[in-house]
Amino acid sequence: EQFVESGGNLVQPGRSLNLSCTGSGDIFKRFDMGWYRQAPGSERDFLAAISWHGVTTFIREAVRGRFTISRDNAKNTVYLQMNDLKSEDTAVYYCNHYPASRDYWGQGTQVTVSS
């Protein structure tokens, strides 16, 4: 399966972005999905996960209250709503299965938060 992330942009602190990730395969709806990010000079970190049916979500404490994960299995798409963005949110954002599958990393989408 391949994942294509989109929605990244250059935004000012305090603004919002909604990232999308679309999977190419029919198996998308069978898997728990996650969002991850990699800041410059850092390792890729887990951010949020959602169960295959979309009922259960988990948000990492560092972004809890600002980030929300959701999915639409009819569109093979998982979303990451990011509010009150901060400069430390600057990173490349990726989606993947949860836990991540090594072979399924996409190109990611760049989010830059700067005034």
Protein backbone atom coordinates (compact mmCIF):
# COMPACT_ATOMS: atom_id res chain seq x y z
CA GLU A 1 0.00 0.00 0.00
CA GLN A 2 1.15 3.55 -0.71
CA PHE A 3 0.33 6.67 1.27
CA VAL A 4 0.23 10.19 -0.10
CA GLU A 5 0.25 13.05 2.38
CA SER A 6 -0.93 16.56 1.57
CA GLY A 7 -2.00 19.80 3.18
CA GLY A 8 1.30 21.06 4.52
CA ASN A 9 2.11 24.73 4.20
CA LEU A 10 3.94 27.71 5.64
CA VAL A 11 1.77 29.26 8.35
CA GLN A 12 2.13 31.76 11.14
CA PRO A 13 2.11 30.71 14.80
CA GLY A 14 -1.40 30.24 16.14
CA ARG A 15 -2.86 29.21 12.79
CA SER A 16 -4.40 25.86 11.85
CA LEU A 17 -3.78 23.23 9.18
CA ASN A 18 -5.63 20.07 8.24
CA LEU A 19 -3.39 17.38 6.78
CA SER A 20 -4.70 14.54 4.64
CA CYS A 21 -3.27 11.14 3.86
CA THR A 22 -4.76 8.87 1.23
CA GLY A 23 -4.01 5.20 0.92
CA SER A 24 -3.98 3.43 -2.41
CA GLY A 25 -5.09 -0.03 -1.43
CA ASP A 26 -8.37 -1.70 -0.59
CA ILE A 27 -6.83 -2.83 2.68
CA PHE A 28 -6.67 0.72 4.08
CA LYS A 29 -9.82 0.30 6.14
CA ARG A 30 -8.50 -2.82 7.84
CA PHE A 31 -5.61 -1.11 9.59
CA ASP A 32 -5.12 1.22 12.51
CA MET A 33 -3.45 4.37 11.19
CA GLY A 34 -1.00 6.85 12.64
CA TRP A 35 0.53 10.25 12.02
CA TYR A 36 4.21 10.85 12.56
CA ARG A 37 6.57 13.76 12.08
CA GLN A 38 10.26 14.38 11.62
CA ALA A 39 11.77 17.72 12.54
CA PRO A 40 15.11 18.82 11.08
CA GLY A 41 17.95 16.94 12.74
CA SER A 42 15.61 14.70 14.70
CA GLU A 43 14.22 11.20 14.47
CA ARG A 44 10.72 10.53 13.27
CA ASP A 45 8.25 10.68 16.15
CA PHE A 46 4.80 9.25 16.65
CA LEU A 47 1.98 11.79 17.08
CA ALA A 48 -1.44 10.20 16.91
CA ALA A 49 -3.26 6.99 16.09
CA ILE A 50 -6.78 5.95 15.16
CA SER A 51 -8.35 2.51 15.14
CA TRP A 52 -9.42 0.88 11.90
CA HIS A 53 -13.08 1.70 12.55
CA GLY A 54 -12.32 5.24 13.70
CA VAL A 55 -13.85 4.83 17.14
CA THR A 56 -10.67 4.93 19.23
CA THR A 57 -8.01 7.61 19.00
CA PHE A 58 -4.82 8.39 20.86
CA ILE A 59 -2.95 11.67 20.78
CA ARG A 60 0.57 12.01 22.10
CA GLU A 61 0.64 14.19 25.20
CA ALA A 62 2.95 16.78 23.62
CA VAL A 63 0.24 17.81 21.13
CA ARG A 64 -2.90 16.75 22.96
CA GLY A 65 -5.54 19.44 22.97
CA ARG A 66 -4.20 20.96 19.75
CA PHE A 67 -4.14 18.00 17.32
CA THR A 68 -7.03 15.72 16.34
CA ILE A 69 -6.95 12.58 14.20
CA SER A 70 -9.87 11.28 12.16
CA ARG A 71 -10.49 9.07 9.15
CA ASP A 72 -12.94 8.43 6.32
CA ASN A 73 -12.65 4.85 5.18
CA ALA A 74 -14.93 5.48 2.21
CA LYS A 75 -12.23 7.83 0.91
CA ASN A 76 -9.25 5.78 2.13
CA THR A 77 -8.15 8.94 3.95
CA VAL A 78 -6.90 9.82 7.41
CA TYR A 79 -6.72 13.42 8.62
CA LEU A 80 -4.70 15.38 11.16
CA GLN A 81 -6.29 18.63 12.29
CA MET A 82 -3.66 20.87 13.84
CA ASN A 83 -4.67 23.98 15.75
CA ASP A 84 -2.68 26.69 17.50
CA LEU A 85 0.46 25.76 15.62
CA LYS A 86 3.82 26.57 17.18
CA SER A 87 7.28 26.93 15.72
CA GLU A 88 8.25 23.58 17.25
CA ASP A 89 5.60 21.92 15.07
CA THR A 90 7.78 22.61 12.04
CA ALA A 91 8.51 19.20 10.50
CA VAL A 92 7.73 16.81 7.69
CA TYR A 93 4.51 14.96 8.53
CA TYR A 94 3.86 11.37 7.52
CA CYS A 95 1.10 8.85 7.86
CA ASN A 96 1.51 5.10 8.08
CA HIS A 97 -0.06 2.14 9.72
CA TYR A 98 0.03 2.03 13.50
CA PRO A 99 2.42 0.59 14.41
CA ALA A 100 4.29 1.85 11.37
CA SER A 101 5.17 -0.47 8.52
CA ARG A 102 8.76 0.09 7.46
CA ASP A 103 8.03 -0.27 3.74
CA TYR A 104 5.08 2.11 3.59
CA TRP A 105 6.61 5.51 4.35
CA GLY A 106 5.54 8.12 1.79
CA GLN A 107 7.12 11.43 0.89
CA GLY A 108 5.42 13.31 3.68
CA THR A 109 4.14 16.87 3.66
CA GLN A 110 6.13 19.84 4.94
CA VAL A 111 4.69 22.02 7.68
CA THR A 112 6.56 25.19 8.51
CA VAL A 113 5.40 27.45 11.31
CA SER A 114 7.05 30.82 11.23
CA SER A 115 6.19 34.47 11.56
